[in-house]
Amino acid sequence: MQEKSHNQDLDLLSIEQFLTDLAVNEVGPLIKAESGIHQDYDLKTGKRKVDIVTAIDKKVEKIIWDNVKRKYPEFKFVGEESYVAGVTKITEDATFIIDPIDGTTNFVHDFPFSCTSMGLTVNREPVVGVIFNPHLDLLVCASKGNGIRVNGQEFDSREKLEHMGPLSLRKSIVALQPGSAREGSNFETKINTYRNLLSCDGGFIHGFRNIGSSAMTLAYLSIGYLDSYWDGGCYSWDVCAGWCILNEAGGRVVGANQGEWDIEVDNRTYLAVRGSLAASEQETYIKDFWKCVQGQLKY
């Protein structure tokens, strides 16, 4: 399939394969080899937050940047470690949006849920996504119109949805992550919403999971291990690749706050919902979920 951006034809499947090779052959082995051995790190966002960054994050991003710049010199690039607040912008141009190591806290603690997440947007829409967890040897990738591949094999999303059954809030497993900021109104909104989702008088969901990586969460959601994911405070590089993959699985991404049906990739708040054989179930699920949101996430 071909997409067009600024009079330039893009072979999305070829770009997906390029990112896949980069993830598996160069980035993944480095992440796996360095996991759990770096205890000297910096706090990303201040003393009252727990997000961390290591030298390996920056090293991996440079490896990715050098490779994609050689192959696609006309494309723009947004990376977590090179992002500058208020300066870095996502435009309509073809743009690689990269998280060199998603799940850095997991990486530091050698918990095997860190991965590299590489996405591409065209006209601000996620159109290529590659997520590789070298600890589990799990590769999930997709490009717009080309479906999903898991470890190189085509993934039948419809067959998986048939086995999962109807999409219902009360029968769902929801991914929730408190994030790095543990104070203020956003933290209170998250905790209160968790309570509402779990309560027998509220959403009464089956349960929740915190994988500690937005990219891994979206990958698992896309291949049918989870039913939804609600979060705020994420950035475009956390969700870009997974968003594309989820789209190819028939899933949907809206805002975390009630009524936010149409959002951009850099919205900072997200509710991602798996596919369903009945389209109306998704909309009902989203509305039921939003009823449990107490407060509003603002970033």
Protein backbone atom coordinates (compact mmCIF):
# COMPACT_ATOMS: atom_id res chain seq x y z
CA MET A 1 0.00 0.00 0.00
CA GLN A 2 1.11 3.54 -0.66
CA GLU A 3 0.40 6.74 1.22
CA LYS A 4 1.04 10.21 -0.11
CA SER A 5 2.48 13.12 1.85
CA HIS A 6 3.64 16.36 0.25
CA ASN A 7 3.70 14.80 -3.25
CA GLN A 8 5.90 11.97 -2.03
CA ASP A 9 4.80 8.35 -2.32
CA LEU A 10 5.56 6.28 0.75
CA ASP A 11 5.78 2.52 0.79
CA LEU A 12 4.59 2.00 4.36
CA LEU A 13 5.24 -1.73 4.38
CA SER A 14 8.84 -1.14 3.35
CA ILE A 15 9.27 1.45 6.12
CA GLU A 16 7.77 -1.02 8.60
CA GLN A 17 10.28 -3.66 7.51
CA PHE A 18 13.17 -1.20 7.83
CA LEU A 19 12.16 -0.31 11.39
CA THR A 20 11.63 -3.98 12.21
CA ASP A 21 15.14 -4.90 11.09
CA LEU A 22 16.56 -1.99 13.08
CA ALA A 23 14.65 -2.98 16.21
CA VAL A 24 15.54 -6.67 16.08
CA ASN A 25 19.14 -6.49 14.90
CA GLU A 26 20.55 -3.35 16.51
CA VAL A 27 18.35 -1.89 19.22
CA GLY A 28 16.88 -4.97 20.89
CA PRO A 29 20.18 -6.75 21.65
CA LEU A 30 21.56 -3.59 23.29
CA ILE A 31 18.49 -3.14 25.49
CA LYS A 32 18.61 -6.77 26.58
CA ALA A 33 22.34 -6.69 27.32
CA GLU A 34 22.15 -3.50 29.38
CA SER A 35 18.95 -4.22 31.34
CA GLY A 36 19.28 -4.18 35.11
CA ILE A 37 22.93 -3.12 35.29
CA HIS A 38 22.53 0.68 35.40
CA GLN A 39 21.78 2.09 38.81
CA ASP A 40 23.21 5.55 38.11
CA TYR A 41 20.40 7.53 36.52
CA ASP A 42 18.78 10.95 36.55
CA LEU A 43 15.23 11.90 37.41
CA LYS A 44 13.62 13.24 34.26
CA THR A 45 11.10 15.59 35.76
CA GLY A 46 12.08 16.75 39.22
CA LYS A 47 12.50 15.46 42.74
CA ARG A 48 8.81 14.78 43.36
CA LYS A 49 8.45 12.57 40.32
CA VAL A 50 9.89 9.14 39.64
CA ASP A 51 10.46 9.09 35.88
CA ILE A 52 14.07 8.23 35.13
CA VAL A 53 16.51 8.36 32.24
CA THR A 54 19.75 6.48 31.71
CA ALA A 55 22.65 6.99 29.33
CA ILE A 56 21.42 3.95 27.40
CA ASP A 57 18.17 5.74 26.49
CA LYS A 58 20.21 8.43 24.78
CA LYS A 59 22.56 5.95 23.16
CA VAL A 60 19.71 3.92 21.70
CA GLU A 61 17.97 7.03 20.38
CA LYS A 62 21.15 8.09 18.60
CA ILE A 63 21.47 4.67 16.98
CA ILE A 64 17.90 4.90 15.70
CA TRP A 65 18.27 8.51 14.57
CA ASP A 66 21.51 7.82 12.67
CA ASN A 67 19.96 4.88 10.85
CA VAL A 68 16.67 6.50 9.86
CA LYS A 69 18.43 9.72 8.82
CA ARG A 70 20.61 7.78 6.39
CA LYS A 71 17.65 5.86 4.96
CA TYR A 72 15.03 8.63 5.00
CA PRO A 73 16.89 11.95 5.14
CA GLU A 74 13.81 13.95 4.15
CA PHE A 75 11.72 12.74 7.09
CA LYS A 76 11.41 14.58 10.38
CA PHE A 77 12.26 12.96 13.71
CA VAL A 78 10.82 13.26 17.21
CA GLY A 79 12.54 11.29 19.96
CA GLU A 80 11.89 11.18 23.68
CA GLU A 81 15.44 12.06 24.66
CA SER A 82 15.81 14.90 22.13
CA TYR A 83 12.37 16.41 22.71
CA VAL A 84 12.30 20.07 23.80
CA ALA A 85 9.07 21.23 25.47
CA GLY A 86 7.45 24.11 23.60
CA VAL A 87 9.85 23.74 20.68
CA THR A 88 9.45 20.24 19.25
CA LYS A 89 6.31 20.07 17.09
CA ILE A 90 4.62 17.29 15.14
CA THR A 91 3.63 18.58 11.71
CA GLU A 92 1.86 17.05 8.71
CA ASP A 93 5.23 15.97 7.31
CA ALA A 94 6.27 12.33 7.50
CA THR A 95 7.74 12.10 11.00
CA PHE A 96 9.40 9.27 12.87
CA ILE A 97 8.25 9.33 16.51
CA ILE A 98 10.53 7.19 18.63
CA ASP A 99 10.78 5.97 22.20
CA PRO A 100 14.22 4.33 22.38
CA ILE A 101 13.38 2.44 25.59
CA ASP A 102 9.80 2.50 26.76
CA GLY A 103 9.50 1.24 30.30
CA THR A 104 12.77 2.71 31.55
CA THR A 105 11.91 1.97 35.18
CA ASN A 106 11.35 -1.66 34.20
CA PHE A 107 14.67 -1.55 32.32
CA VAL A 108 16.56 -0.26 35.38
CA HIS A 109 15.01 -2.92 37.62
CA ASP A 110 15.47 -5.71 35.04
CA PHE A 111 11.72 -6.34 34.93
CA PRO A 112 11.28 -7.82 31.44
CA PHE A 113 8.77 -5.30 30.08
CA SER A 114 10.94 -2.69 28.43
CA CYS A 115 10.92 -2.31 24.68
CA THR A 116 11.78 -0.06 21.78
CA SER A 117 8.82 1.69 20.14
CA MET A 118 9.16 3.21 16.68
CA GLY A 119 6.31 4.89 14.84
CA LEU A 120 5.73 7.04 11.79
CA THR A 121 3.07 9.70 11.31
CA VAL A 122 1.87 11.20 8.05
CA ASN A 123 -0.47 14.17 8.30
CA ARG A 124 -0.19 13.64 12.07
CA GLU A 125 -1.75 10.16 11.77
CA PRO A 126 0.14 7.07 13.02
CA VAL A 127 0.68 4.93 9.92
CA VAL A 128 3.59 2.65 10.91
CA GLY A 129 4.26 1.01 14.26
CA VAL A 130 7.01 -1.34 15.44
CA ILE A 131 7.32 -2.51 19.05
CA PHE A 132 10.02 -4.98 20.08
CA ASN A 133 10.56 -6.44 23.54
CA PRO A 134 13.90 -8.30 23.40
CA HIS A 135 13.46 -9.85 26.86
CA LEU A 136 10.37 -11.76 25.70
CA ASP A 137 11.53 -11.89 22.07
CA LEU A 138 8.21 -10.34 21.11
CA LEU A 139 7.89 -8.24 17.96
CA VAL A 140 4.54 -6.64 17.13
CA CYS A 141 4.31 -4.40 14.08
CA ALA A 142 1.87 -2.97 11.57
CA SER A 143 1.41 -0.36 8.88
CA LYS A 144 -1.76 1.30 7.69
CA GLY A 145 -3.80 -1.01 5.51
CA ASN A 146 -1.37 -3.91 5.86
CA GLY A 147 -2.57 -5.60 9.05
CA ILE A 148 -0.53 -6.81 12.02
CA ARG A 149 2.46 -9.10 12.24
CA VAL A 150 3.62 -10.86 15.42
CA ASN A 151 7.17 -12.20 15.26
CA GLY A 152 6.99 -12.04 11.47
CA GLN A 153 3.72 -13.96 11.14
CA GLU A 154 0.43 -12.44 10.05
CA PHE A 155 -1.93 -11.99 13.00
CA ASP A 156 -5.64 -12.72 12.50
CA SER A 157 -7.32 -10.01 14.58
CA ARG A 158 -10.83 -11.11 13.69
CA GLU A 159 -10.26 -14.68 14.83
CA LYS A 160 -8.89 -13.41 18.15
CA LEU A 161 -11.91 -11.15 18.67
CA GLU A 162 -14.24 -14.09 18.03
CA HIS A 163 -12.58 -15.95 20.90
CA MET A 164 -12.67 -12.92 23.21
CA GLY A 165 -16.43 -12.45 22.92
CA PRO A 166 -18.44 -9.25 23.44
CA LEU A 167 -16.75 -6.08 24.65
CA SER A 168 -18.19 -5.04 28.00
CA LEU A 169 -16.75 -2.87 30.77
CA ARG A 170 -17.78 -5.28 33.52
CA LYS A 171 -16.08 -8.18 31.75
CA SER A 172 -12.87 -6.39 30.93
CA ILE A 173 -9.26 -6.27 32.00
CA VAL A 174 -8.10 -2.64 31.99
CA ALA A 175 -4.52 -1.39 31.85
CA LEU A 176 -3.89 1.45 34.31
CA GLN A 177 -0.64 3.25 35.13
CA PRO A 178 -0.28 5.88 37.88
CA GLY A 179 2.62 7.51 36.04
CA SER A 180 5.58 9.40 37.42
CA ALA A 181 3.78 12.39 38.96
CA ARG A 182 2.37 11.39 42.35
CA GLU A 183 0.77 14.66 43.41
CA GLY A 184 -1.82 17.22 42.34
CA SER A 185 -5.20 17.05 40.65
CA ASN A 186 -4.16 14.62 37.90
CA PHE A 187 -2.96 12.09 40.47
CA GLU A 188 -6.21 12.48 42.42
CA THR A 189 -8.24 12.03 39.23
CA LYS A 190 -6.38 8.83 38.45
CA ILE A 191 -6.77 7.33 41.91
CA ASN A 192 -10.47 8.27 42.13
CA THR A 193 -11.11 6.85 38.68
CA TYR A 194 -9.34 3.61 39.58
CA ARG A 195 -11.64 3.31 42.58
CA ASN A 196 -14.72 3.87 40.43
CA LEU A 197 -13.62 1.33 37.85
CA LEU A 198 -12.97 -1.35 40.47
CA SER A 199 -15.93 -0.69 42.75
CA CYS A 200 -18.89 -3.06 42.69
CA ASP A 201 -21.05 0.08 42.63
CA GLY A 202 -19.09 1.52 39.70
CA GLY A 203 -17.53 -0.08 36.64
CA PHE A 204 -16.89 -3.36 38.51
CA ILE A 205 -14.25 -4.37 35.96
CA HIS A 206 -12.76 -7.85 36.17
CA GLY A 207 -9.37 -6.39 37.06
CA PHE A 208 -6.54 -4.08 36.10
CA ARG A 209 -2.92 -4.51 35.05
CA ASN A 210 0.07 -2.18 35.12
CA ILE A 211 2.76 -3.32 32.70
CA GLY A 212 4.81 -0.16 33.16
CA SER A 213 5.16 0.50 29.43
CA SER A 214 2.56 2.26 27.30
CA ALA A 215 3.97 0.72 24.14
CA MET A 216 3.83 -2.82 25.52
CA THR A 217 0.34 -2.16 26.83
CA LEU A 218 -0.89 -1.07 23.41
CA ALA A 219 0.81 -4.03 21.76
CA TYR A 220 -0.93 -6.41 24.18
CA LEU A 221 -4.21 -4.61 23.66
CA SER A 222 -3.83 -5.00 19.89
CA ILE A 223 -3.30 -8.76 20.04
CA GLY A 224 -6.12 -9.39 22.48
CA TYR A 225 -4.51 -9.70 25.92
CA LEU A 226 -6.27 -6.61 27.31
CA ASP A 227 -9.57 -4.84 26.70
CA SER A 228 -8.63 -1.19 27.25
CA TYR A 229 -5.97 1.20 28.47
CA TRP A 230 -6.63 4.55 30.21
CA ASP A 231 -3.86 7.00 31.00
CA GLY A 232 -2.73 10.61 31.10
CA GLY A 233 0.70 12.18 31.02
CA CYS A 234 1.94 10.08 28.11
CA TYR A 235 3.67 11.63 25.13
CA SER A 236 3.40 10.95 21.42
CA TRP A 237 6.39 8.57 21.47
CA ASP A 238 4.69 6.45 24.13
CA VAL A 239 1.62 5.80 21.97
CA CYS A 240 2.41 6.44 18.30
CA ALA A 241 3.56 2.96 17.28
CA GLY A 242 0.95 1.19 19.40
CA TRP A 243 -1.81 3.45 18.07
CA CYS A 244 -1.09 2.36 14.49
CA ILE A 245 -1.02 -1.30 15.50
CA LEU A 246 -4.28 -0.98 17.43
CA ASN A 247 -5.96 0.70 14.46
CA GLU A 248 -5.05 -2.28 12.30
CA ALA A 249 -6.65 -4.55 14.92
CA GLY A 250 -9.93 -2.63 14.72
CA GLY A 251 -9.30 -0.80 17.99
CA ARG A 252 -9.88 2.84 18.74
CA VAL A 253 -8.11 5.64 20.61
CA VAL A 254 -10.03 8.55 22.14
CA GLY A 255 -9.26 10.99 24.95
CA ALA A 256 -9.13 10.02 28.60
CA ASN A 257 -11.67 12.72 29.44
CA GLN A 258 -15.37 12.47 28.70
CA GLY A 259 -16.43 13.60 25.24
CA GLU A 260 -12.95 13.63 23.68
CA TRP A 261 -13.86 11.57 20.62
CA ASP A 262 -11.29 12.95 18.19
CA ILE A 263 -7.74 13.57 19.43
CA GLU A 264 -4.25 14.08 18.03
CA VAL A 265 -1.31 11.78 18.62
CA ASP A 266 0.18 14.29 21.09
CA ASN A 267 -3.03 14.73 23.11
CA ARG A 268 -1.30 13.61 26.36
CA THR A 269 -4.45 11.76 27.60
CA TYR A 270 -5.75 8.57 26.04
CA LEU A 271 -8.36 5.84 26.28
CA ALA A 272 -7.50 2.96 23.97
CA VAL A 273 -10.08 0.23 23.40
CA ARG A 274 -9.69 -3.08 21.62
CA GLY A 275 -11.63 -4.05 18.54
CA SER A 276 -15.05 -5.65 18.61
CA LEU A 277 -17.09 -7.64 16.10
CA ALA A 278 -19.97 -5.26 16.79
CA ALA A 279 -18.99 -1.63 16.17
CA SER A 280 -21.65 -0.33 18.54
CA GLU A 281 -20.00 -2.16 21.47
CA GLN A 282 -16.92 0.07 21.24
CA GLU A 283 -18.93 3.26 21.53
CA THR A 284 -20.99 1.89 24.42
CA TYR A 285 -17.82 0.73 26.17
CA ILE A 286 -16.20 4.15 25.83
CA LYS A 287 -19.26 5.93 27.22
CA ASP A 288 -19.50 3.48 30.14
CA PHE A 289 -15.81 3.95 30.86
CA TRP A 290 -16.05 7.74 30.81
CA LYS A 291 -18.82 7.56 33.42
CA CYS A 292 -16.19 6.21 35.83
CA VAL A 293 -13.75 9.08 35.22
CA GLN A 294 -13.89 11.34 38.28
CA GLY A 295 -12.28 14.68 37.54
CA GLN A 296 -10.37 15.69 34.44
CA LEU A 297 -6.83 14.98 33.34
CA LYS A 298 -5.01 18.14 32.17
CA TYR A 299 -1.40 18.27 30.97
